[in-house]
Amino acid sequence: MDIFGEVNHWEKTEGASIFCSIINVPNPVILDYGCGAGNYSFAAAYAFDQKCKVCAVDINGQCLEYVNQKAKNEGIDCITTSIGREDYRHDFDCDTFDLIIYSDIFHGEERLYGGLHRFVMIEEAKRTLKNNGVLAVLPFHLSNFRDSNKKKSKYTHKKLIDEICSYGFTYTGKDQEGIHFEKVYSPYYQQKGGITFDGLERGKMLIFELTGKPRP
């Protein structure tokens, strides 16, 4: 089995189990924002036997083409794709989602927000999640984060947890193991060779709930 086969196997097994473990809602509506190649979108689709709606959003149109083609090839029709906005706002109504996934999207120096885009994304998660909705955050490159003053600040999981909780979220402690899939699809690493599934970077997926939100 090549690495793409191993990734597909992960989506159907370990990846699916992540979402079965953190949310128990019939026919959930899910947002995978910054979906990349859609690994977590597909894992969510398998977790709920496609009895869900997954919105896969990315600013990169080629990523969305890949997701659409893969979904077609695998007979998955519960995933819809859309282009993300440069300001990181969601083009969705308030109280839409049961689950929002932010995987490897909080770090970096962004042109519009100077690395502060995650604050916008947390605000948008709070706005578009339903009451008792779940936010799953898989952060990598914590040393590249910036604080609210736009200064580089070495973050820890605890510091990020406290930051997200300050927006009204509750940290559940139901952490899951997530995978950083970038190397699988990167032309640089593909040309370099030597990529193995077991060698992909793992990280802690932090799980939050939004409780006590007024009903619309």
N, C-alpha and C. Protein backbone atom coordinates (compact mmCIF):
# COMPACT_ATOMS: atom_id res chain seq x y z
N MET A 1 0.85 -1.20 0.00
CA MET A 1 0.00 0.00 0.00
C MET A 1 0.88 1.25 0.00
N ASP A 2 0.64 2.17 -0.95
CA ASP A 2 1.43 3.39 -0.98
C ASP A 2 0.90 4.37 0.07
N ILE A 3 1.57 5.51 0.19
CA ILE A 3 1.21 6.43 1.27
C ILE A 3 -0.21 6.99 1.10
N PHE A 4 -0.66 7.14 -0.15
CA PHE A 4 -2.01 7.64 -0.36
C PHE A 4 -3.04 6.60 0.09
N GLY A 5 -2.73 5.35 -0.13
CA GLY A 5 -3.59 4.28 0.36
C GLY A 5 -3.63 4.26 1.88
N GLU A 6 -2.48 4.51 2.50
CA GLU A 6 -2.43 4.54 3.96
C GLU A 6 -3.22 5.73 4.51
N VAL A 7 -3.16 6.86 3.81
CA VAL A 7 -3.94 8.03 4.23
C VAL A 7 -5.43 7.72 4.13
N ASN A 8 -5.84 7.11 3.03
CA ASN A 8 -7.26 6.75 2.87
C ASN A 8 -7.71 5.79 3.96
N HIS A 9 -6.84 4.84 4.30
CA HIS A 9 -7.16 3.88 5.37
C HIS A 9 -7.31 4.61 6.70
N TRP A 10 -6.43 5.57 6.97
CA TRP A 10 -6.52 6.36 8.20
C TRP A 10 -7.83 7.12 8.26
N GLU A 11 -8.23 7.72 7.14
CA GLU A 11 -9.49 8.49 7.12
C GLU A 11 -10.68 7.61 7.51
N LYS A 12 -10.66 6.36 7.07
CA LYS A 12 -11.79 5.46 7.31
C LYS A 12 -11.75 4.82 8.70
N THR A 13 -10.58 4.85 9.34
CA THR A 13 -10.44 4.15 10.62
C THR A 13 -10.11 5.13 11.75
N GLU A 14 -8.84 5.40 11.96
CA GLU A 14 -8.43 6.28 13.06
C GLU A 14 -9.00 7.68 12.92
N GLY A 15 -9.00 8.21 11.71
CA GLY A 15 -9.54 9.55 11.50
C GLY A 15 -11.02 9.62 11.83
N ALA A 16 -11.78 8.63 11.35
CA ALA A 16 -13.21 8.59 11.63
C ALA A 16 -13.47 8.47 13.12
N SER A 17 -12.64 7.70 13.82
CA SER A 17 -12.85 7.49 15.25
C SER A 17 -12.69 8.78 16.05
N ILE A 18 -11.87 9.72 15.53
CA ILE A 18 -11.72 11.02 16.21
C ILE A 18 -13.08 11.68 16.39
N PHE A 19 -13.83 11.74 15.30
CA PHE A 19 -15.09 12.48 15.34
C PHE A 19 -16.20 11.69 16.01
N CYS A 20 -16.14 10.37 15.93
CA CYS A 20 -17.09 9.55 16.69
C CYS A 20 -16.90 9.77 18.19
N SER A 21 -15.67 10.09 18.60
CA SER A 21 -15.35 10.24 20.02
C SER A 21 -15.73 11.60 20.58
N ILE A 22 -15.80 12.62 19.73
CA ILE A 22 -15.96 13.97 20.26
C ILE A 22 -17.33 14.58 20.02
N ILE A 23 -18.15 13.94 19.19
CA ILE A 23 -19.47 14.52 18.93
C ILE A 23 -20.48 13.39 18.77
N ASN A 24 -21.63 13.58 19.39
CA ASN A 24 -22.69 12.58 19.32
C ASN A 24 -23.99 13.29 18.96
N VAL A 25 -24.07 13.66 17.69
CA VAL A 25 -25.22 14.40 17.18
C VAL A 25 -25.70 13.71 15.90
N PRO A 26 -26.98 13.45 15.77
CA PRO A 26 -27.45 12.84 14.52
C PRO A 26 -27.37 13.83 13.36
N ASN A 27 -26.89 13.36 12.23
CA ASN A 27 -26.82 14.16 11.01
C ASN A 27 -26.13 15.52 11.24
N PRO A 28 -24.91 15.52 11.78
CA PRO A 28 -24.25 16.79 12.11
C PRO A 28 -23.87 17.61 10.89
N VAL A 29 -23.81 18.92 11.10
CA VAL A 29 -23.32 19.86 10.08
C VAL A 29 -21.92 20.27 10.51
N ILE A 30 -20.95 20.09 9.61
CA ILE A 30 -19.54 20.20 9.97
C ILE A 30 -18.83 21.17 9.03
N LEU A 31 -17.96 21.99 9.59
CA LEU A 31 -17.11 22.88 8.80
C LEU A 31 -15.66 22.49 8.98
N ASP A 32 -14.99 22.19 7.87
CA ASP A 32 -13.55 21.95 7.85
C ASP A 32 -12.92 23.15 7.16
N TYR A 33 -12.49 24.13 7.96
CA TYR A 33 -12.00 25.40 7.42
C TYR A 33 -10.49 25.34 7.26
N GLY A 34 -10.01 25.61 6.03
CA GLY A 34 -8.60 25.40 5.71
C GLY A 34 -8.38 23.91 5.48
N CYS A 35 -9.27 23.32 4.69
CA CYS A 35 -9.35 21.86 4.59
C CYS A 35 -8.17 21.22 3.88
N GLY A 36 -7.42 22.00 3.06
CA GLY A 36 -6.31 21.40 2.33
C GLY A 36 -6.81 20.29 1.43
N ALA A 37 -6.21 19.10 1.54
CA ALA A 37 -6.61 17.95 0.72
C ALA A 37 -7.85 17.25 1.25
N GLY A 38 -8.43 17.78 2.32
CA GLY A 38 -9.70 17.27 2.81
C GLY A 38 -9.63 16.03 3.66
N ASN A 39 -8.47 15.73 4.23
CA ASN A 39 -8.34 14.50 5.02
C ASN A 39 -9.32 14.43 6.18
N TYR A 40 -9.51 15.56 6.85
CA TYR A 40 -10.44 15.57 7.99
C TYR A 40 -11.89 15.65 7.52
N SER A 41 -12.13 16.23 6.37
CA SER A 41 -13.47 16.21 5.79
C SER A 41 -13.90 14.78 5.48
N PHE A 42 -13.00 14.02 4.87
CA PHE A 42 -13.32 12.63 4.53
C PHE A 42 -13.46 11.78 5.79
N ALA A 43 -12.59 12.03 6.77
CA ALA A 43 -12.70 11.28 8.02
C ALA A 43 -14.05 11.52 8.69
N ALA A 44 -14.51 12.77 8.66
CA ALA A 44 -15.82 13.09 9.25
C ALA A 44 -16.94 12.42 8.46
N ALA A 45 -16.83 12.42 7.15
CA ALA A 45 -17.86 11.77 6.32
C ALA A 45 -17.96 10.29 6.65
N TYR A 46 -16.82 9.63 6.82
CA TYR A 46 -16.83 8.21 7.17
C TYR A 46 -17.32 7.98 8.59
N ALA A 47 -17.00 8.91 9.49
CA ALA A 47 -17.42 8.76 10.89
C ALA A 47 -18.93 8.64 11.02
N PHE A 48 -19.65 9.37 10.19
CA PHE A 48 -21.10 9.41 10.30
C PHE A 48 -21.79 8.72 9.13
N ASP A 49 -21.04 7.86 8.44
CA ASP A 49 -21.59 7.09 7.31
C ASP A 49 -22.29 7.98 6.31
N GLN A 50 -21.73 9.16 6.10
CA GLN A 50 -22.24 10.17 5.18
C GLN A 50 -23.60 10.74 5.61
N LYS A 51 -24.05 10.40 6.82
CA LYS A 51 -25.29 11.00 7.32
C LYS A 51 -24.96 12.31 8.01
N CYS A 52 -24.35 13.19 7.25
CA CYS A 52 -23.88 14.47 7.76
C CYS A 52 -23.71 15.40 6.57
N LYS A 53 -23.43 16.65 6.87
CA LYS A 53 -23.10 17.61 5.83
C LYS A 53 -21.75 18.22 6.19
N VAL A 54 -20.78 18.08 5.30
CA VAL A 54 -19.44 18.60 5.55
C VAL A 54 -19.16 19.72 4.56
N CYS A 55 -18.85 20.90 5.09
CA CYS A 55 -18.47 22.05 4.26
C CYS A 55 -16.95 22.17 4.32
N ALA A 56 -16.30 21.89 3.21
CA ALA A 56 -14.84 21.96 3.12
C ALA A 56 -14.46 23.28 2.46
N VAL A 57 -13.73 24.10 3.20
CA VAL A 57 -13.40 25.46 2.74
C VAL A 57 -11.89 25.64 2.70
N ASP A 58 -11.40 26.22 1.62
CA ASP A 58 -9.98 26.54 1.52
C ASP A 58 -9.81 27.68 0.54
N ILE A 59 -8.77 28.47 0.74
CA ILE A 59 -8.50 29.59 -0.16
C ILE A 59 -7.83 29.12 -1.45
N ASN A 60 -7.34 27.88 -1.45
CA ASN A 60 -6.63 27.31 -2.59
C ASN A 60 -7.61 26.49 -3.44
N GLY A 61 -7.90 26.99 -4.63
CA GLY A 61 -8.84 26.31 -5.50
C GLY A 61 -8.38 24.93 -5.94
N GLN A 62 -7.07 24.73 -6.07
CA GLN A 62 -6.56 23.42 -6.46
C GLN A 62 -6.86 22.37 -5.39
N CYS A 63 -6.79 22.78 -4.13
CA CYS A 63 -7.14 21.86 -3.04
C CYS A 63 -8.59 21.43 -3.17
N LEU A 64 -9.47 22.37 -3.48
CA LEU A 64 -10.88 22.06 -3.57
C LEU A 64 -11.16 21.17 -4.78
N GLU A 65 -10.45 21.37 -5.87
CA GLU A 65 -10.59 20.49 -7.03
C GLU A 65 -10.20 19.06 -6.66
N TYR A 66 -9.13 18.94 -5.88
CA TYR A 66 -8.68 17.62 -5.43
C TYR A 66 -9.76 16.96 -4.57
N VAL A 67 -10.32 17.72 -3.63
CA VAL A 67 -11.35 17.19 -2.75
C VAL A 67 -12.57 16.75 -3.55
N ASN A 68 -12.98 17.58 -4.49
CA ASN A 68 -14.15 17.24 -5.31
C ASN A 68 -13.94 15.97 -6.12
N GLN A 69 -12.75 15.84 -6.72
CA GLN A 69 -12.46 14.67 -7.54
C GLN A 69 -12.39 13.41 -6.69
N LYS A 70 -11.76 13.52 -5.53
CA LYS A 70 -11.66 12.37 -4.63
C LYS A 70 -13.04 11.95 -4.13
N ALA A 71 -13.86 12.93 -3.78
CA ALA A 71 -15.21 12.62 -3.32
C ALA A 71 -15.99 11.90 -4.42
N LYS A 72 -15.84 12.36 -5.65
CA LYS A 72 -16.52 11.72 -6.78
C LYS A 72 -16.03 10.29 -6.96
N ASN A 73 -14.72 10.11 -6.89
CA ASN A 73 -14.14 8.77 -7.08
C ASN A 73 -14.60 7.80 -5.99
N GLU A 74 -14.79 8.31 -4.78
CA GLU A 74 -15.13 7.44 -3.65
C GLU A 74 -16.64 7.40 -3.37
N GLY A 75 -17.42 8.07 -4.22
CA GLY A 75 -18.86 8.03 -4.06
C GLY A 75 -19.36 8.73 -2.82
N ILE A 76 -18.70 9.81 -2.45
CA ILE A 76 -19.08 10.58 -1.26
C ILE A 76 -19.79 11.85 -1.72
N ASP A 77 -21.03 12.00 -1.32
CA ASP A 77 -21.80 13.16 -1.77
C ASP A 77 -22.22 14.09 -0.64
N CYS A 78 -21.67 13.87 0.57
CA CYS A 78 -22.04 14.74 1.70
C CYS A 78 -21.05 15.88 1.89
N ILE A 79 -20.02 15.96 1.04
CA ILE A 79 -19.02 17.02 1.15
C ILE A 79 -19.25 18.05 0.05
N THR A 80 -19.36 19.31 0.46
CA THR A 80 -19.43 20.41 -0.50
C THR A 80 -18.24 21.33 -0.25
N THR A 81 -17.73 21.92 -1.31
CA THR A 81 -16.54 22.77 -1.20
C THR A 81 -16.87 24.22 -1.54
N SER A 82 -16.11 25.12 -0.94
CA SER A 82 -16.23 26.53 -1.28
C SER A 82 -14.92 27.25 -0.98
N ILE A 83 -14.68 28.32 -1.72
CA ILE A 83 -13.47 29.12 -1.57
C ILE A 83 -13.54 29.96 -0.30
N GLY A 84 -12.46 29.96 0.46
CA GLY A 84 -12.40 30.77 1.67
C GLY A 84 -12.11 32.23 1.36
N ARG A 85 -12.40 33.07 2.32
CA ARG A 85 -12.17 34.50 2.18
C ARG A 85 -10.80 34.88 2.73
N GLU A 86 -10.23 35.91 2.17
CA GLU A 86 -8.91 36.36 2.61
C GLU A 86 -8.95 36.96 4.01
N ASP A 87 -10.11 37.39 4.45
CA ASP A 87 -10.19 37.97 5.80
C ASP A 87 -10.54 36.92 6.86
N TYR A 88 -10.64 35.65 6.44
CA TYR A 88 -10.89 34.52 7.34
C TYR A 88 -12.27 34.53 7.97
N ARG A 89 -13.16 35.37 7.48
CA ARG A 89 -14.55 35.31 7.94
C ARG A 89 -15.25 34.15 7.26
N HIS A 90 -16.31 33.66 7.90
CA HIS A 90 -17.09 32.57 7.35
C HIS A 90 -18.28 33.12 6.57
N ASP A 91 -18.53 32.54 5.42
CA ASP A 91 -19.73 32.93 4.66
C ASP A 91 -20.90 32.02 5.05
N PHE A 92 -21.14 31.91 6.34
CA PHE A 92 -22.21 31.04 6.84
C PHE A 92 -22.99 31.80 7.90
N ASP A 93 -24.25 31.39 8.06
CA ASP A 93 -25.11 32.03 9.04
C ASP A 93 -24.68 31.68 10.46
N CYS A 94 -25.13 32.46 11.41
CA CYS A 94 -24.91 32.16 12.81
C CYS A 94 -25.59 30.83 13.17
N ASP A 95 -25.01 30.12 14.14
CA ASP A 95 -25.62 28.90 14.67
C ASP A 95 -25.88 27.86 13.59
N THR A 96 -24.86 27.63 12.76
CA THR A 96 -24.99 26.70 11.64
C THR A 96 -24.41 25.32 11.94
N PHE A 97 -23.26 25.28 12.62
CA PHE A 97 -22.48 24.05 12.69
C PHE A 97 -22.53 23.36 14.05
N ASP A 98 -22.48 22.03 13.97
CA ASP A 98 -22.32 21.21 15.17
C ASP A 98 -20.84 21.00 15.50
N LEU A 99 -20.00 21.09 14.49
CA LEU A 99 -18.56 20.86 14.65
C LEU A 99 -17.80 21.73 13.68
N ILE A 100 -16.75 22.39 14.17
CA ILE A 100 -15.82 23.14 13.32
C ILE A 100 -14.43 22.59 13.54
N ILE A 101 -13.72 22.34 12.44
CA ILE A 101 -12.37 21.80 12.47
C ILE A 101 -11.40 22.85 11.97
N TYR A 102 -10.40 23.19 12.78
CA TYR A 102 -9.31 24.06 12.37
C TYR A 102 -8.01 23.25 12.50
N SER A 103 -7.51 22.75 11.39
CA SER A 103 -6.29 21.95 11.42
C SER A 103 -5.14 22.70 10.76
N ASP A 104 -4.08 22.95 11.53
CA ASP A 104 -2.86 23.57 11.01
C ASP A 104 -3.14 24.87 10.26
N ILE A 105 -3.89 25.76 10.88
CA ILE A 105 -4.23 27.01 10.19
C ILE A 105 -4.04 28.24 11.07
N PHE A 106 -3.61 28.04 12.31
CA PHE A 106 -3.49 29.16 13.24
C PHE A 106 -2.14 29.88 13.18
N HIS A 107 -1.12 29.28 12.60
CA HIS A 107 0.22 29.84 12.68
C HIS A 107 0.51 30.74 11.47
N GLY A 108 1.66 31.40 11.51
CA GLY A 108 2.16 32.12 10.34
C GLY A 108 1.91 33.61 10.39
N GLU A 109 2.60 34.30 9.51
CA GLU A 109 2.46 35.75 9.38
C GLU A 109 1.54 36.02 8.19
N GLU A 110 0.33 36.39 8.46
CA GLU A 110 -0.63 36.60 7.39
C GLU A 110 -0.63 38.06 6.95
N ARG A 111 -0.80 38.24 5.64
CA ARG A 111 -0.71 39.56 5.04
C ARG A 111 -1.71 40.55 5.63
N LEU A 112 -2.94 40.10 5.84
CA LEU A 112 -3.97 41.03 6.30
C LEU A 112 -4.01 41.23 7.80
N TYR A 113 -3.59 40.19 8.54
CA TYR A 113 -3.78 40.24 9.98
C TYR A 113 -2.49 40.14 10.77
N GLY A 114 -1.34 40.12 10.09
CA GLY A 114 -0.08 40.08 10.81
C GLY A 114 0.04 38.90 11.75
N GLY A 115 -0.55 37.76 11.34
CA GLY A 115 -0.49 36.58 12.18
C GLY A 115 -1.59 36.49 13.21
N LEU A 116 -2.53 37.43 13.18
CA LEU A 116 -3.60 37.46 14.18
C LEU A 116 -4.91 36.88 13.63
N HIS A 117 -4.84 36.21 12.50
CA HIS A 117 -6.06 35.68 11.88
C HIS A 117 -6.77 34.66 12.77
N ARG A 118 -6.02 34.00 13.67
CA ARG A 118 -6.68 32.99 14.50
C ARG A 118 -7.73 33.63 15.42
N PHE A 119 -7.51 34.89 15.83
CA PHE A 119 -8.49 35.55 16.67
C PHE A 119 -9.80 35.75 15.90
N VAL A 120 -9.68 36.11 14.63
CA VAL A 120 -10.86 36.24 13.77
C VAL A 120 -11.55 34.88 13.64
N MET A 121 -10.77 33.83 13.47
CA MET A 121 -11.32 32.50 13.27
C MET A 121 -12.02 31.98 14.53
N ILE A 122 -11.48 32.31 15.69
CA ILE A 122 -12.14 31.90 16.94
C ILE A 122 -13.46 32.65 17.09
N GLU A 123 -13.46 33.94 16.76
CA GLU A 123 -14.71 34.72 16.80
C GLU A 123 -15.75 34.12 15.86
N GLU A 124 -15.30 33.74 14.66
CA GLU A 124 -16.21 33.18 13.68
C GLU A 124 -16.72 31.81 14.10
N ALA A 125 -15.87 31.03 14.76
CA ALA A 125 -16.31 29.74 15.28
C ALA A 125 -17.40 29.94 16.32
N LYS A 126 -17.21 30.92 17.19
CA LYS A 126 -18.22 31.21 18.21
C LYS A 126 -19.53 31.66 17.58
N ARG A 127 -19.45 32.42 16.53
CA ARG A 127 -20.66 32.93 15.86
C ARG A 127 -21.40 31.81 15.13
N THR A 128 -20.67 30.95 14.43
CA THR A 128 -21.33 30.00 13.53
C THR A 128 -21.58 28.63 14.15
N LEU A 129 -21.01 28.35 15.32
CA LEU A 129 -21.33 27.11 16.02
C LEU A 129 -22.69 27.21 16.70
N LYS A 130 -23.39 26.08 16.74
CA LYS A 130 -24.62 26.00 17.51
C LYS A 130 -24.28 25.94 19.00
N ASN A 131 -25.27 26.17 19.83
CA ASN A 131 -25.09 25.95 21.26
C ASN A 131 -24.71 24.48 21.50
N ASN A 132 -23.71 24.25 22.33
CA ASN A 132 -23.14 22.93 22.60
C ASN A 132 -22.35 22.38 21.41
N GLY A 133 -22.03 23.25 20.45
CA GLY A 133 -21.20 22.83 19.33
C GLY A 133 -19.76 22.59 19.76
N VAL A 134 -19.03 21.87 18.92
CA VAL A 134 -17.66 21.46 19.24
C VAL A 134 -16.68 22.13 18.29
N LEU A 135 -15.59 22.63 18.85
CA LEU A 135 -14.49 23.19 18.09
C LEU A 135 -13.27 22.30 18.28
N ALA A 136 -12.73 21.78 17.17
CA ALA A 136 -11.55 20.93 17.20
C ALA A 136 -10.38 21.68 16.57
N VAL A 137 -9.33 21.91 17.35
CA VAL A 137 -8.18 22.69 16.89
C VAL A 137 -6.93 21.82 16.93
N LEU A 138 -6.30 21.67 15.77
CA LEU A 138 -5.06 20.91 15.67
C LEU A 138 -3.94 21.89 15.31
N PRO A 139 -3.19 22.38 16.31
CA PRO A 139 -2.16 23.39 16.04
C PRO A 139 -0.78 22.75 15.81
N PHE A 140 -0.07 23.29 14.86
CA PHE A 140 1.33 22.95 14.65
C PHE A 140 2.12 24.26 14.62
N HIS A 141 3.44 24.14 14.71
CA HIS A 141 4.33 25.32 14.62
C HIS A 141 3.99 26.37 15.68
N LEU A 142 3.80 25.93 16.90
CA LEU A 142 3.43 26.85 17.96
C LEU A 142 4.46 27.96 18.16
N SER A 143 5.71 27.70 17.80
CA SER A 143 6.76 28.71 17.98
C SER A 143 6.60 29.87 17.00
N ASN A 144 5.75 29.72 15.98
CA ASN A 144 5.54 30.79 15.01
C ASN A 144 4.32 31.66 15.31
N PHE A 145 3.65 31.38 16.41
CA PHE A 145 2.45 32.14 16.75
C PHE A 145 2.82 33.56 17.15
N ARG A 146 1.85 34.44 17.04
CA ARG A 146 2.01 35.82 17.48
C ARG A 146 0.93 36.13 18.52
N ASP A 147 1.29 36.96 19.48
CA ASP A 147 0.32 37.33 20.50
C ASP A 147 -0.57 38.45 19.99
N SER A 148 -1.45 38.95 20.84
CA SER A 148 -2.41 39.98 20.41
C SER A 148 -1.74 41.29 20.05
N ASN A 149 -0.46 41.45 20.39
CA ASN A 149 0.30 42.65 20.03
C ASN A 149 1.15 42.44 18.78
N LYS A 150 0.89 41.32 18.07
CA LYS A 150 1.58 40.97 16.83
C LYS A 150 3.04 40.59 17.03
N LYS A 151 3.41 40.31 18.27
CA LYS A 151 4.79 39.91 18.55
C LYS A 151 4.89 38.40 18.58
N LYS A 152 5.97 37.88 18.00
CA LYS A 152 6.18 36.43 18.05
C LYS A 152 6.27 35.98 19.49
N SER A 153 5.55 34.94 19.79
CA SER A 153 5.49 34.45 21.15
C SER A 153 5.41 32.93 21.11
N LYS A 154 6.29 32.26 21.82
CA LYS A 154 6.29 30.80 21.81
C LYS A 154 5.09 30.32 22.61
N TYR A 155 4.14 29.76 21.90
CA TYR A 155 2.92 29.28 22.53
C TYR A 155 3.08 27.84 23.02
N THR A 156 2.33 27.51 24.04
CA THR A 156 2.17 26.14 24.51
C THR A 156 0.71 25.76 24.31
N HIS A 157 0.41 24.49 24.45
CA HIS A 157 -0.99 24.09 24.35
C HIS A 157 -1.82 24.80 25.43
N LYS A 158 -1.27 24.90 26.61
CA LYS A 158 -2.02 25.55 27.69
C LYS A 158 -2.32 27.02 27.37
N LYS A 159 -1.34 27.70 26.82
CA LYS A 159 -1.54 29.11 26.49
C LYS A 159 -2.62 29.27 25.42
N LEU A 160 -2.60 28.38 24.43
CA LEU A 160 -3.61 28.44 23.38
C LEU A 160 -4.98 28.07 23.93
N ILE A 161 -5.02 27.06 24.80
CA ILE A 161 -6.29 26.67 25.43
C ILE A 161 -6.89 27.84 26.20
N ASP A 162 -6.07 28.50 27.01
CA ASP A 162 -6.55 29.64 27.80
C ASP A 162 -7.07 30.75 26.89
N GLU A 163 -6.38 30.95 25.78
CA GLU A 163 -6.77 32.00 24.84
C GLU A 163 -8.14 31.70 24.23
N ILE A 164 -8.34 30.46 23.80
CA ILE A 164 -9.61 30.08 23.19
C ILE A 164 -10.74 30.12 24.22
N CYS A 165 -10.44 29.68 25.44
CA CYS A 165 -11.46 29.69 26.50
C CYS A 165 -11.88 31.12 26.86
N SER A 166 -11.00 32.09 26.64
CA SER A 166 -11.35 33.47 26.95
C SER A 166 -12.46 34.00 26.04
N TYR A 167 -12.75 33.27 24.95
CA TYR A 167 -13.83 33.65 24.04
C TYR A 167 -15.15 32.99 24.42
N GLY A 168 -15.16 32.24 25.51
CA GLY A 168 -16.39 31.61 25.96
C GLY A 168 -16.48 30.12 25.71
N PHE A 169 -15.40 29.54 25.19
CA PHE A 169 -15.37 28.10 24.98
C PHE A 169 -14.95 27.38 26.26
N THR A 170 -15.33 26.13 26.35
CA THR A 170 -14.92 25.27 27.46
C THR A 170 -14.02 24.18 26.92
N TYR A 171 -12.85 24.04 27.51
CA TYR A 171 -11.92 22.98 27.11
C TYR A 171 -12.38 21.67 27.72
N THR A 172 -12.59 20.65 26.89
CA THR A 172 -13.16 19.39 27.37
C THR A 172 -12.11 18.41 27.87
N GLY A 173 -10.87 18.55 27.40
CA GLY A 173 -9.83 17.59 27.74
C GLY A 173 -9.93 16.30 26.94
N LYS A 174 -10.86 16.23 26.00
CA LYS A 174 -11.04 15.03 25.17
C LYS A 174 -10.09 15.07 23.96
N ASP A 175 -8.82 15.31 24.24
CA ASP A 175 -7.85 15.49 23.16
C ASP A 175 -7.74 14.23 22.30
N GLN A 176 -7.48 14.45 21.03
CA GLN A 176 -7.29 13.36 20.07
C GLN A 176 -5.92 13.53 19.40
N GLU A 177 -5.42 12.47 18.79
CA GLU A 177 -4.17 12.58 18.04
C GLU A 177 -4.49 12.89 16.58
N GLY A 178 -3.95 14.00 16.10
CA GLY A 178 -4.13 14.38 14.71
C GLY A 178 -2.83 14.25 13.95
N ILE A 179 -2.92 14.31 12.63
CA ILE A 179 -1.76 14.16 11.76
C ILE A 179 -1.61 15.38 10.87
N HIS A 180 -0.37 15.78 10.66
CA HIS A 180 -0.03 16.87 9.75
C HIS A 180 0.26 16.25 8.38
N PHE A 181 -0.65 16.45 7.43
CA PHE A 181 -0.57 15.75 6.14
C PHE A 181 0.18 16.53 5.06
N GLU A 182 0.72 17.68 5.38
CA GLU A 182 1.30 18.57 4.37
C GLU A 182 2.32 17.86 3.48
N LYS A 183 3.20 17.06 4.07
CA LYS A 183 4.27 16.44 3.30
C LYS A 183 3.76 15.47 2.24
N VAL A 184 2.60 14.90 2.48
CA VAL A 184 2.05 13.94 1.53
C VAL A 184 1.77 14.59 0.19
N TYR A 185 1.35 15.84 0.21
CA TYR A 185 0.89 16.53 -1.01
C TYR A 185 1.87 17.59 -1.50
N SER A 186 2.95 17.82 -0.78
CA SER A 186 3.92 18.85 -1.14
C SER A 186 4.83 18.38 -2.27
N PRO A 187 4.87 19.10 -3.41
CA PRO A 187 5.79 18.72 -4.50
C PRO A 187 7.24 18.66 -4.04
N TYR A 188 7.61 19.55 -3.11
CA TYR A 188 8.99 19.56 -2.62
C TYR A 188 9.32 18.25 -1.94
N TYR A 189 8.47 17.82 -1.02
CA TYR A 189 8.75 16.59 -0.29
C TYR A 189 8.56 15.36 -1.17
N GLN A 190 7.63 15.44 -2.12
CA GLN A 190 7.46 14.32 -3.05
C GLN A 190 8.72 14.12 -3.88
N GLN A 191 9.31 15.23 -4.34
CA GLN A 191 10.54 15.14 -5.13
C GLN A 191 11.71 14.68 -4.28
N LYS A 192 11.72 15.12 -3.04
CA LYS A 192 12.79 14.74 -2.12
C LYS A 192 12.72 13.26 -1.79
N GLY A 193 11.50 12.73 -1.70
CA GLY A 193 11.31 11.31 -1.44
C GLY A 193 11.46 10.97 0.03
N GLY A 194 11.26 9.71 0.32
CA GLY A 194 11.44 9.22 1.68
C GLY A 194 10.29 9.51 2.62
N ILE A 195 9.12 9.91 2.07
CA ILE A 195 7.98 10.21 2.92
C ILE A 195 7.28 8.90 3.27
N THR A 196 7.08 8.69 4.55
CA THR A 196 6.33 7.51 5.01
C THR A 196 5.18 7.97 5.88
N PHE A 197 4.14 7.16 5.91
CA PHE A 197 2.98 7.52 6.73
C PHE A 197 3.36 7.59 8.20
N ASP A 198 4.14 6.64 8.66
CA ASP A 198 4.56 6.63 10.07
C ASP A 198 5.45 7.81 10.41
N GLY A 199 6.09 8.40 9.39
CA GLY A 199 6.98 9.53 9.62
C GLY A 199 6.28 10.88 9.63
N LEU A 200 4.98 10.90 9.35
CA LEU A 200 4.24 12.16 9.36
C LEU A 200 4.13 12.70 10.78
N GLU A 201 4.17 14.01 10.88
CA GLU A 201 4.12 14.66 12.20
C GLU A 201 2.76 14.46 12.85
N ARG A 202 2.78 14.10 14.13
CA ARG A 202 1.56 13.96 14.91
C ARG A 202 1.45 15.13 15.88
N GLY A 203 0.23 15.43 16.26
CA GLY A 203 0.01 16.52 17.21
C GLY A 203 -1.27 16.31 17.98
N LYS A 204 -1.45 17.13 19.01
CA LYS A 204 -2.63 17.03 19.88
C LYS A 204 -3.76 17.88 19.31
N MET A 205 -4.88 17.25 19.03
CA MET A 205 -6.08 17.97 18.62
C MET A 205 -6.85 18.36 19.88
N LEU A 206 -6.98 19.65 20.10
CA LEU A 206 -7.63 20.18 21.30
C LEU A 206 -9.13 20.31 21.05
N ILE A 207 -9.93 19.86 22.00
CA ILE A 207 -11.37 19.82 21.81
C ILE A 207 -12.06 20.77 22.79
N PHE A 208 -12.92 21.62 22.24
CA PHE A 208 -13.65 22.62 23.02
C PHE A 208 -15.15 22.49 22.74
N GLU A 209 -15.94 22.95 23.69
CA GLU A 209 -17.39 23.03 23.50
C GLU A 209 -17.83 24.47 23.72
N LEU A 210 -18.87 24.84 23.02
CA LEU A 210 -19.46 26.17 23.19
C LEU A 210 -20.79 25.98 23.89
N THR A 211 -20.81 26.21 25.18
CA THR A 211 -22.01 25.98 25.97
C THR A 211 -22.59 27.31 26.46
N GLY A 212 -23.86 27.29 26.73
CA GLY A 212 -24.52 28.47 27.28
C GLY A 212 -24.74 29.57 26.26
N LYS A 213 -24.67 29.23 24.96
CA LYS A 213 -24.89 30.25 23.93
C LYS A 213 -26.39 30.49 23.79
N PRO A 214 -26.81 31.74 23.78
CA PRO A 214 -28.24 32.03 23.63
C PRO A 214 -28.77 31.45 22.32
N ARG A 215 -29.95 30.90 22.36
CA ARG A 215 -30.56 30.35 21.16
C ARG A 215 -31.02 31.49 20.26
N PRO A 216 -30.92 31.29 18.93
CA PRO A 216 -31.34 32.36 18.01
C PRO A 216 -32.85 32.60 18.07
